Amino acid sequence: MFKFSKPRWQVLKDKKVYETPIFSLHEKDVVPDGEKGTKPFYVLEAPEWINVIALTEDGNIVLVEQYRHGIDETTLEIPGGMTDAGETPLKAAKRELVEETGYTSNKWTFLGKSSSNPAIINNFTHLYLAENCAKTEKQHTDGTEDIAVHTLPVADFLKYVKEGIVHHAIVMAAVSLLLLNMPELNSLETNS
């Protein structure tokens, strides 16, 4: 096991500067190990996030297409979202899959977790594989989501990741964990 050598920095002050429904911004005065002076850092505190690689019974992947304000573009991603207060990541994953796509699964596997951006965000994204997915309900998004649902062969999805059509960093983290857990997917070829 890897042994970390850098100690945690001491937080002397943690002041909430701004609050939104999605995150809060904190100003933290910290002291690096072995130093005397403080340094200010700004951290976004956010709830845990989840992402789901959802595979249908016939081996296709369920994807969501939606406009993303941060980059001012429409993206192709896997279903995902935030955990609600008191909700486990698995429960959130099941809820988000149904809400965004109308699909449900009877087989869930935890792939791992990814720190969303440890330089400035305090949360993790919990990544799941949902197999045997079937469309059992209507999609019921919240008022801020406008999502088109697509299913396509996993090989095509991996090609889109490689080509940069799918470029969301957390989706790419999920793909890497999927490929580490299911190395047989590395050999898939597209028909195009």
Protein backbone atom coordinates (compact mmCIF):
# COMPACT_ATOMS: atom_id res chain seq x y z
CA MET A 1 0.00 0.00 0.00
CA PHE A 2 1.21 3.50 -0.81
CA LYS A 3 2.50 5.46 2.17
CA PHE A 4 1.78 9.18 2.03
CA SER A 5 4.58 11.43 3.31
CA LYS A 6 2.96 14.88 3.32
CA PRO A 7 0.96 15.71 6.49
CA ARG A 8 -2.36 17.56 6.58
CA TRP A 9 -2.20 21.31 6.98
CA GLN A 10 -3.69 22.84 10.12
CA VAL A 11 -6.88 24.86 9.54
CA LEU A 12 -6.94 27.92 11.82
CA LYS A 13 -10.04 29.57 10.42
CA ASP A 14 -12.96 28.34 8.31
CA LYS A 15 -15.33 31.12 7.28
CA LYS A 16 -18.36 30.51 5.05
CA VAL A 17 -18.24 33.30 2.47
CA TYR A 18 -21.21 32.40 0.25
CA GLU A 19 -23.98 29.80 0.14
CA THR A 20 -25.94 28.40 -2.84
CA PRO A 21 -28.33 25.44 -3.11
CA ILE A 22 -25.49 23.40 -4.68
CA PHE A 23 -22.36 24.41 -2.75
CA SER A 24 -20.97 26.84 -0.21
CA LEU A 25 -17.74 28.79 -0.60
CA HIS A 26 -15.39 28.75 2.40
CA GLU A 27 -12.29 30.84 3.06
CA LYS A 28 -9.81 28.82 5.10
CA ASP A 29 -6.65 30.10 6.75
CA VAL A 30 -4.20 27.22 6.92
CA VAL A 31 -0.69 26.63 8.16
CA PRO A 32 1.51 24.24 6.16
CA ASP A 33 3.49 21.74 8.23
CA GLY A 34 6.67 23.27 9.58
CA GLU A 35 5.76 26.88 8.70
CA LYS A 36 4.60 29.76 10.87
CA GLY A 37 2.52 31.99 8.58
CA THR A 38 -1.00 31.24 7.37
CA LYS A 39 -2.07 30.99 3.77
CA PRO A 40 -5.65 31.64 2.56
CA PHE A 41 -7.40 28.96 0.51
CA TYR A 42 -10.89 28.88 -0.94
CA VAL A 43 -12.86 25.64 -0.90
CA LEU A 44 -16.23 24.72 -2.34
CA GLU A 45 -18.11 22.47 0.08
CA ALA A 46 -20.65 20.31 -1.73
CA PRO A 47 -22.69 17.17 -1.04
CA GLU A 48 -21.43 13.82 -2.28
CA TRP A 49 -22.12 13.18 -5.97
CA ILE A 50 -22.90 9.95 -7.81
CA ASN A 51 -22.54 8.72 -11.40
CA VAL A 52 -23.96 5.53 -12.89
CA ILE A 53 -22.74 3.44 -15.79
CA ALA A 54 -26.06 1.84 -16.71
CA LEU A 55 -25.97 -1.18 -19.01
CA THR A 56 -29.15 -2.58 -20.51
CA GLU A 57 -29.98 -6.28 -20.72
CA ASP A 58 -28.87 -6.26 -24.39
CA GLY A 59 -25.50 -4.70 -23.53
CA ASN A 60 -26.09 -1.06 -24.45
CA ILE A 61 -25.17 1.87 -22.23
CA VAL A 62 -27.74 4.44 -21.13
CA LEU A 63 -26.55 8.02 -21.67
CA VAL A 64 -27.95 11.47 -21.00
CA GLU A 65 -27.60 14.47 -23.27
CA GLN A 66 -28.01 17.86 -21.63
CA TYR A 67 -26.93 21.48 -21.82
CA ARG A 68 -24.20 22.42 -19.32
CA HIS A 69 -24.02 26.08 -18.26
CA GLY A 70 -20.39 25.93 -17.04
CA ILE A 71 -18.99 25.29 -20.52
CA ASP A 72 -22.01 26.67 -22.45
CA GLU A 73 -22.33 23.43 -24.44
CA THR A 74 -24.49 20.35 -24.71
CA THR A 75 -22.76 17.23 -23.39
CA LEU A 76 -23.18 13.46 -23.57
CA GLU A 77 -22.73 11.84 -20.14
CA ILE A 78 -23.75 9.00 -17.88
CA PRO A 79 -26.59 9.65 -15.40
CA GLY A 80 -25.54 11.34 -12.18
CA GLY A 81 -26.29 13.92 -9.56
CA MET A 82 -26.07 14.95 -5.92
CA THR A 83 -26.97 12.96 -2.85
CA ASP A 84 -29.81 14.40 -0.80
CA ALA A 85 -29.42 15.01 2.94
CA GLY A 86 -29.41 11.68 4.80
CA GLU A 87 -29.27 9.68 1.56
CA THR A 88 -26.63 7.01 0.92
CA PRO A 89 -24.73 7.23 -2.36
CA LEU A 90 -26.30 3.96 -3.57
CA LYS A 91 -29.81 5.23 -2.85
CA ALA A 92 -28.96 8.46 -4.68
CA ALA A 93 -27.62 6.49 -7.65
CA LYS A 94 -30.83 4.47 -7.92
CA ARG A 95 -32.95 7.63 -7.59
CA GLU A 96 -30.95 9.61 -10.14
CA LEU A 97 -31.00 6.78 -12.69
CA VAL A 98 -34.80 6.62 -12.56
CA GLU A 99 -35.31 10.38 -12.47
CA GLU A 100 -33.00 11.16 -15.38
CA THR A 101 -33.71 8.16 -17.61
CA GLY A 102 -36.68 6.09 -16.40
CA TYR A 103 -34.38 3.04 -16.20
CA THR A 104 -34.03 0.77 -13.17
CA SER A 105 -31.60 -2.04 -12.35
CA ASN A 106 -31.61 -5.18 -10.25
CA LYS A 107 -27.80 -5.49 -10.15
CA TRP A 108 -25.61 -2.76 -8.66
CA THR A 109 -21.83 -2.77 -8.22
CA PHE A 110 -19.79 -0.05 -6.51
CA LEU A 111 -16.86 0.77 -8.81
CA GLY A 112 -15.10 3.23 -6.50
CA LYS A 113 -15.03 6.91 -5.74
CA SER A 114 -13.26 9.87 -7.25
CA SER A 115 -12.37 13.18 -5.64
CA SER A 116 -14.20 15.61 -7.86
CA ASN A 117 -11.45 18.25 -7.79
CA PRO A 118 -9.45 17.99 -4.54
CA ALA A 119 -7.72 21.34 -5.08
CA ILE A 120 -10.94 23.30 -4.56
CA ILE A 121 -13.89 20.95 -3.85
CA ASN A 122 -14.30 18.88 -0.67
CA ASN A 123 -16.57 16.11 -1.97
CA PHE A 124 -16.28 12.74 -3.69
CA THR A 125 -18.22 11.21 -6.57
CA HIS A 126 -19.34 7.63 -5.92
CA LEU A 127 -19.32 5.59 -9.11
CA TYR A 128 -21.65 2.65 -9.75
CA LEU A 129 -22.26 0.03 -12.40
CA ALA A 130 -25.94 -0.82 -12.88
CA GLU A 131 -26.53 -3.94 -14.99
CA ASN A 132 -29.67 -5.49 -16.49
CA CYS A 133 -31.21 -2.02 -16.80
CA ALA A 134 -34.71 -1.79 -18.22
CA LYS A 135 -36.97 1.18 -18.91
CA THR A 136 -39.66 0.70 -16.28
CA GLU A 137 -40.82 4.25 -15.57
CA LYS A 138 -41.24 7.65 -17.15
CA GLN A 139 -38.36 10.06 -16.88
CA HIS A 140 -39.15 12.65 -14.18
CA THR A 141 -36.48 15.34 -14.06
CA ASP A 142 -36.55 18.36 -11.79
CA GLY A 143 -37.29 21.83 -13.11
CA THR A 144 -33.64 22.60 -13.94
CA GLU A 145 -33.01 19.56 -16.15
CA ASP A 146 -33.79 19.07 -19.84
CA ILE A 147 -32.41 15.61 -20.63
CA ALA A 148 -32.54 13.48 -23.77
CA VAL A 149 -31.88 9.78 -23.10
CA HIS A 150 -29.83 7.69 -25.54
CA THR A 151 -28.77 4.04 -25.57
CA LEU A 152 -25.90 2.81 -27.70
CA PRO A 153 -23.35 0.01 -27.79
CA VAL A 154 -20.62 0.28 -25.17
CA ALA A 155 -17.99 0.15 -27.93
CA ASP A 156 -19.45 3.28 -29.51
CA PHE A 157 -19.50 5.02 -26.13
CA LEU A 158 -15.82 4.14 -25.53
CA LYS A 159 -15.04 5.48 -29.01
CA TYR A 160 -16.80 8.75 -28.11
CA VAL A 161 -14.70 8.97 -24.93
CA LYS A 162 -11.51 8.39 -26.91
CA GLU A 163 -12.52 10.98 -29.52
CA GLY A 164 -13.38 13.60 -26.88
CA ILE A 165 -17.10 13.69 -27.69
CA VAL A 166 -17.63 12.50 -24.10
CA HIS A 167 -15.30 14.72 -22.08
CA HIS A 168 -16.78 15.14 -18.59
CA ALA A 169 -13.89 14.36 -16.21
CA ILE A 170 -16.03 12.43 -13.72
CA VAL A 171 -17.51 10.33 -16.53
CA MET A 172 -13.97 9.56 -17.68
CA ALA A 173 -13.08 8.52 -14.12
CA ALA A 174 -16.06 6.15 -14.14
CA VAL A 175 -14.93 4.73 -17.48
CA SER A 176 -11.43 4.08 -16.16
CA LEU A 177 -12.83 2.24 -13.12
CA LEU A 178 -15.19 0.26 -15.36
CA LEU A 179 -12.30 -0.80 -17.60
CA LEU A 180 -10.21 -1.78 -14.57
CA ASN A 181 -13.11 -3.89 -13.25
CA MET A 182 -14.15 -5.30 -16.63
CA PRO A 183 -10.95 -5.53 -18.73
CA GLU A 184 -12.80 -7.49 -21.42
CA LEU A 185 -14.38 -4.17 -22.50
CA ASN A 186 -10.94 -2.95 -23.63
CA SER A 187 -11.12 -5.29 -26.61
CA LEU A 188 -14.49 -4.06 -27.92
CA GLU A 189 -14.44 -2.71 -31.44
CA THR A 190 -17.06 -0.59 -33.13
CA ASN A 191 -18.75 -1.60 -36.35
CA SER A 192 -18.08 1.79 -37.94
